[in-house]
Amino acid sequence: MTALGAKAGPAATTGASALDPDRVAHARQRLPSADDAVRLTGLLSLMADPIRLRILYALDLTEELCVGDLALALGANEDQVTYALRLLRTAGLVRARKHGRTVYNRLADDFPEPLREHCMRRLIEITRHVADGQA
């Protein structure tokens, strides 16, 4: 551990010294922990898959859909949708409700609105502008 209470990084183990120790200390104090970074990248990697992202988007728009209807809406096969839903349910992003023999999927009640707005809606808009050469 260093005087700042953080584990020594590569610079500390290689004997390198900072050009601007105050800025290094400032950055170290405000960086997410390694555990937080792992959880965040795990969540973002779930959304980085086109099928999973489109499922989340479809459920946001329609409230709930069964696997067959999701597959039709996405133009995907039911196996792809079933697998993606399993991952999304395990992550706590999607909930299932059974009605008779049909299982309906919906976004979890606590699905974060900032994740909907910024990761699903805004980033798609940004990628459209980049694709259109409007960056």
C-alpha atoms as a PDB file:
ATOM      1  CA  MET A   1       0.000   0.000   0.000  1.00  0.00           C
ATOM      2  CA  THR A   2       1.149   3.551  -0.687  1.00  0.00           C
ATOM      3  CA  ALA A   3       0.706   6.599   1.483  1.00  0.00           C
ATOM      4  CA  LEU A   4      -2.522   7.273  -0.423  1.00  0.00           C
ATOM      5  CA  GLY A   5      -3.992   3.987   0.727  1.00  0.00           C
ATOM      6  CA  ALA A   6      -4.112   2.452  -2.746  1.00  0.00           C
ATOM      7  CA  LYS A   7      -2.194  -0.540  -3.977  1.00  0.00           C
ATOM      8  CA  ALA A   8       0.982   0.363  -5.745  1.00  0.00           C
ATOM      9  CA  GLY A   9       0.546   0.368  -9.517  1.00  0.00           C
ATOM     10  CA  PRO A  10       3.058  -0.407 -12.269  1.00  0.00           C
ATOM     11  CA  ALA A  11       4.885   2.896 -11.791  1.00  0.00           C
ATOM     12  CA  ALA A  12       5.477   2.126  -8.106  1.00  0.00           C
ATOM     13  CA  THR A  13       6.739  -1.378  -8.833  1.00  0.00           C
ATOM     14  CA  THR A  14       9.020  -0.318 -11.708  1.00  0.00           C
ATOM     15  CA  GLY A  15      10.604   2.569  -9.848  1.00  0.00           C
ATOM     16  CA  ALA A  16       9.145   5.167 -12.227  1.00  0.00           C
ATOM     17  CA  SER A  17       8.265   8.554 -10.798  1.00  0.00           C
ATOM     18  CA  ALA A  18       5.337  10.753 -11.738  1.00  0.00           C
ATOM     19  CA  LEU A  19       5.885  13.959 -13.693  1.00  0.00           C
ATOM     20  CA  ASP A  20       2.925  15.470 -11.861  1.00  0.00           C
ATOM     21  CA  PRO A  21       2.470  13.675  -8.527  1.00  0.00           C
ATOM     22  CA  ASP A  22      -0.482  15.883  -7.523  1.00  0.00           C
ATOM     23  CA  ARG A  23      -2.471  14.912 -10.618  1.00  0.00           C
ATOM     24  CA  VAL A  24      -1.544  11.264 -10.182  1.00  0.00           C
ATOM     25  CA  ALA A  25      -2.763  11.394  -6.576  1.00  0.00           C
ATOM     26  CA  HIS A  26      -5.937  13.192  -7.674  1.00  0.00           C
ATOM     27  CA  ALA A  27      -6.649  10.526 -10.302  1.00  0.00           C
ATOM     28  CA  ARG A  28      -5.907   7.639  -7.920  1.00  0.00           C
ATOM     29  CA  GLN A  29      -8.269   8.995  -5.295  1.00  0.00           C
ATOM     30  CA  ARG A  30     -11.153   9.260  -7.753  1.00  0.00           C
ATOM     31  CA  LEU A  31     -10.709   6.160  -9.911  1.00  0.00           C
ATOM     32  CA  PRO A  32     -13.324   3.445  -9.548  1.00  0.00           C
ATOM     33  CA  SER A  33     -12.062   0.448  -7.640  1.00  0.00           C
ATOM     34  CA  ALA A  34     -10.926  -2.563  -9.636  1.00  0.00           C
ATOM     35  CA  ASP A  35     -14.069  -4.411  -8.447  1.00  0.00           C
ATOM     36  CA  ASP A  36     -16.321  -1.548  -9.583  1.00  0.00           C
ATOM     37  CA  ALA A  37     -14.586  -1.486 -12.974  1.00  0.00           C
ATOM     38  CA  VAL A  38     -15.064  -5.252 -13.396  1.00  0.00           C
ATOM     39  CA  ARG A  39     -18.788  -4.993 -12.578  1.00  0.00           C
ATOM     40  CA  LEU A  40     -19.268  -2.033 -14.923  1.00  0.00           C
ATOM     41  CA  THR A  41     -17.449  -3.656 -17.829  1.00  0.00           C
ATOM     42  CA  GLY A  42     -19.472  -6.818 -17.242  1.00  0.00           C
ATOM     43  CA  LEU A  43     -22.706  -4.844 -17.499  1.00  0.00           C
ATOM     44  CA  LEU A  44     -21.552  -2.956 -20.576  1.00  0.00           C
ATOM     45  CA  SER A  45     -20.406  -6.184 -22.239  1.00  0.00           C
ATOM     46  CA  LEU A  46     -23.930  -7.567 -21.773  1.00  0.00           C
ATOM     47  CA  MET A  47     -25.242  -4.579 -23.695  1.00  0.00           C
ATOM     48  CA  ALA A  48     -22.484  -4.805 -26.312  1.00  0.00           C
ATOM     49  CA  ASP A  49     -24.147  -7.791 -27.979  1.00  0.00           C
ATOM     50  CA  PRO A  50     -26.569  -6.747 -30.755  1.00  0.00           C
ATOM     51  CA  ILE A  51     -29.232  -9.349 -29.874  1.00  0.00           C
ATOM     52  CA  ARG A  52     -29.182  -8.512 -26.153  1.00  0.00           C
ATOM     53  CA  LEU A  53     -29.243  -4.768 -26.784  1.00  0.00           C
ATOM     54  CA  ARG A  54     -32.159  -5.095 -29.193  1.00  0.00           C
ATOM     55  CA  ILE A  55     -34.034  -7.274 -26.695  1.00  0.00           C
ATOM     56  CA  LEU A  56     -33.611  -4.610 -24.022  1.00  0.00           C
ATOM     57  CA  TYR A  57     -34.711  -1.944 -26.458  1.00  0.00           C
ATOM     58  CA  ALA A  58     -37.761  -3.965 -27.571  1.00  0.00           C
ATOM     59  CA  LEU A  59     -38.790  -4.623 -23.974  1.00  0.00           C
ATOM     60  CA  ASP A  60     -38.399  -0.946 -23.185  1.00  0.00           C
ATOM     61  CA  LEU A  61     -40.754  -0.106 -26.057  1.00  0.00           C
ATOM     62  CA  THR A  62     -43.377  -2.804 -25.529  1.00  0.00           C
ATOM     63  CA  GLU A  63     -43.358  -3.543 -21.808  1.00  0.00           C
ATOM     64  CA  GLU A  64     -43.261  -7.338 -22.240  1.00  0.00           C
ATOM     65  CA  LEU A  65     -42.915  -9.999 -24.930  1.00  0.00           C
ATOM     66  CA  CYS A  66     -42.604 -13.782 -25.114  1.00  0.00           C
ATOM     67  CA  VAL A  67     -39.585 -15.417 -26.772  1.00  0.00           C
ATOM     68  CA  GLY A  68     -41.385 -16.083 -30.056  1.00  0.00           C
ATOM     69  CA  ASP A  69     -42.599 -12.525 -30.391  1.00  0.00           C
ATOM     70  CA  LEU A  70     -39.169 -11.163 -29.496  1.00  0.00           C
ATOM     71  CA  ALA A  71     -37.591 -13.397 -32.144  1.00  0.00           C
ATOM     72  CA  LEU A  72     -40.065 -12.126 -34.745  1.00  0.00           C
ATOM     73  CA  ALA A  73     -39.504  -8.490 -33.755  1.00  0.00           C
ATOM     74  CA  LEU A  74     -35.714  -8.883 -33.911  1.00  0.00           C
ATOM     75  CA  GLY A  75     -35.577 -11.095 -36.981  1.00  0.00           C
ATOM     76  CA  ALA A  76     -33.604 -13.602 -34.929  1.00  0.00           C
ATOM     77  CA  ASN A  77     -34.170 -17.233 -34.116  1.00  0.00           C
ATOM     78  CA  GLU A  78     -35.713 -18.352 -30.842  1.00  0.00           C
ATOM     79  CA  ASP A  79     -32.520 -20.084 -29.671  1.00  0.00           C
ATOM     80  CA  GLN A  80     -30.574 -16.808 -29.933  1.00  0.00           C
ATOM     81  CA  VAL A  81     -33.287 -14.941 -28.057  1.00  0.00           C
ATOM     82  CA  THR A  82     -33.627 -17.627 -25.361  1.00  0.00           C
ATOM     83  CA  TYR A  83     -29.884 -17.633 -24.708  1.00  0.00           C
ATOM     84  CA  ALA A  84     -29.710 -13.832 -24.614  1.00  0.00           C
ATOM     85  CA  LEU A  85     -32.675 -13.658 -22.237  1.00  0.00           C
ATOM     86  CA  ARG A  86     -31.043 -16.184 -19.927  1.00  0.00           C
ATOM     87  CA  LEU A  87     -27.964 -13.954 -19.655  1.00  0.00           C
ATOM     88  CA  LEU A  88     -30.060 -10.819 -19.148  1.00  0.00           C
ATOM     89  CA  ARG A  89     -32.174 -12.501 -16.457  1.00  0.00           C
ATOM     90  CA  THR A  90     -29.067 -13.787 -14.672  1.00  0.00           C
ATOM     91  CA  ALA A  91     -27.700 -10.230 -14.650  1.00  0.00           C
ATOM     92  CA  GLY A  92     -30.977  -8.982 -13.159  1.00  0.00           C
ATOM     93  CA  LEU A  93     -31.852  -6.773 -16.122  1.00  0.00           C
ATOM     94  CA  VAL A  94     -34.886  -8.778 -17.272  1.00  0.00           C
ATOM     95  CA  ARG A  95     -37.682 -10.495 -15.331  1.00  0.00           C
ATOM     96  CA  ALA A  96     -39.946 -13.299 -16.516  1.00  0.00           C
ATOM     97  CA  ARG A  97     -43.654 -13.792 -15.832  1.00  0.00           C
ATOM     98  CA  LYS A  98     -45.373 -17.058 -16.640  1.00  0.00           C
ATOM     99  CA  HIS A  99     -48.978 -17.022 -17.859  1.00  0.00           C
ATOM    100  CA  GLY A 100     -50.123 -20.560 -18.548  1.00  0.00           C
ATOM    101  CA  ARG A 101     -47.466 -22.094 -20.761  1.00  0.00           C
ATOM    102  CA  THR A 102     -46.201 -18.767 -22.058  1.00  0.00           C
ATOM    103  CA  VAL A 103     -43.323 -16.898 -20.417  1.00  0.00           C
ATOM    104  CA  TYR A 104     -43.377 -13.131 -20.830  1.00  0.00           C
ATOM    105  CA  ASN A 105     -40.197 -11.122 -20.431  1.00  0.00           C
ATOM    106  CA  ARG A 106     -39.931  -7.540 -19.292  1.00  0.00           C
ATOM    107  CA  LEU A 107     -37.272  -5.163 -18.065  1.00  0.00           C
ATOM    108  CA  ALA A 108     -36.633  -5.521 -14.355  1.00  0.00           C
ATOM    109  CA  ASP A 109     -38.585  -3.043 -12.246  1.00  0.00           C
ATOM    110  CA  ASP A 110     -35.324  -1.513 -11.049  1.00  0.00           C
ATOM    111  CA  PHE A 111     -33.766  -1.311 -14.543  1.00  0.00           C
ATOM    112  CA  PRO A 112     -31.914   2.015 -14.280  1.00  0.00           C
ATOM    113  CA  GLU A 113     -33.418   4.836 -16.333  1.00  0.00           C
ATOM    114  CA  PRO A 114     -29.965   6.375 -16.974  1.00  0.00           C
ATOM    115  CA  LEU A 115     -28.940   3.068 -18.553  1.00  0.00           C
ATOM    116  CA  ARG A 116     -32.004   3.224 -20.802  1.00  0.00           C
ATOM    117  CA  GLU A 117     -31.522   6.851 -21.724  1.00  0.00           C
ATOM    118  CA  HIS A 118     -27.758   7.069 -22.102  1.00  0.00           C
ATOM    119  CA  CYS A 119     -26.611   3.573 -23.064  1.00  0.00           C
ATOM    120  CA  MET A 120     -29.540   2.595 -25.222  1.00  0.00           C
ATOM    121  CA  ARG A 121     -31.011   5.756 -26.688  1.00  0.00           C
ATOM    122  CA  ARG A 122     -28.274   8.399 -26.701  1.00  0.00           C
ATOM    123  CA  LEU A 123     -25.408   6.139 -27.729  1.00  0.00           C
ATOM    124  CA  ILE A 124     -27.454   4.747 -30.613  1.00  0.00           C
ATOM    125  CA  GLU A 125     -28.094   8.337 -31.749  1.00  0.00           C
ATOM    126  CA  ILE A 126     -24.377   9.109 -31.496  1.00  0.00           C
ATOM    127  CA  THR A 127     -23.448   6.042 -33.549  1.00  0.00           C
ATOM    128  CA  ARG A 128     -25.996   7.059 -36.191  1.00  0.00           C
ATOM    129  CA  HIS A 129     -24.402  10.508 -36.468  1.00  0.00           C
ATOM    130  CA  VAL A 130     -20.947   8.965 -36.761  1.00  0.00           C
ATOM    131  CA  ALA A 131     -22.182   6.511 -39.419  1.00  0.00           C
ATOM    132  CA  ASP A 132     -23.727   9.409 -41.343  1.00  0.00           C
ATOM    133  CA  GLY A 133     -20.449  11.367 -41.166  1.00  0.00           C
ATOM    134  CA  GLN A 134     -21.850  14.018 -38.826  1.00  0.00           C
ATOM    135  CA  ALA A 135     -19.362  13.461 -36.023  1.00  0.00           C
END
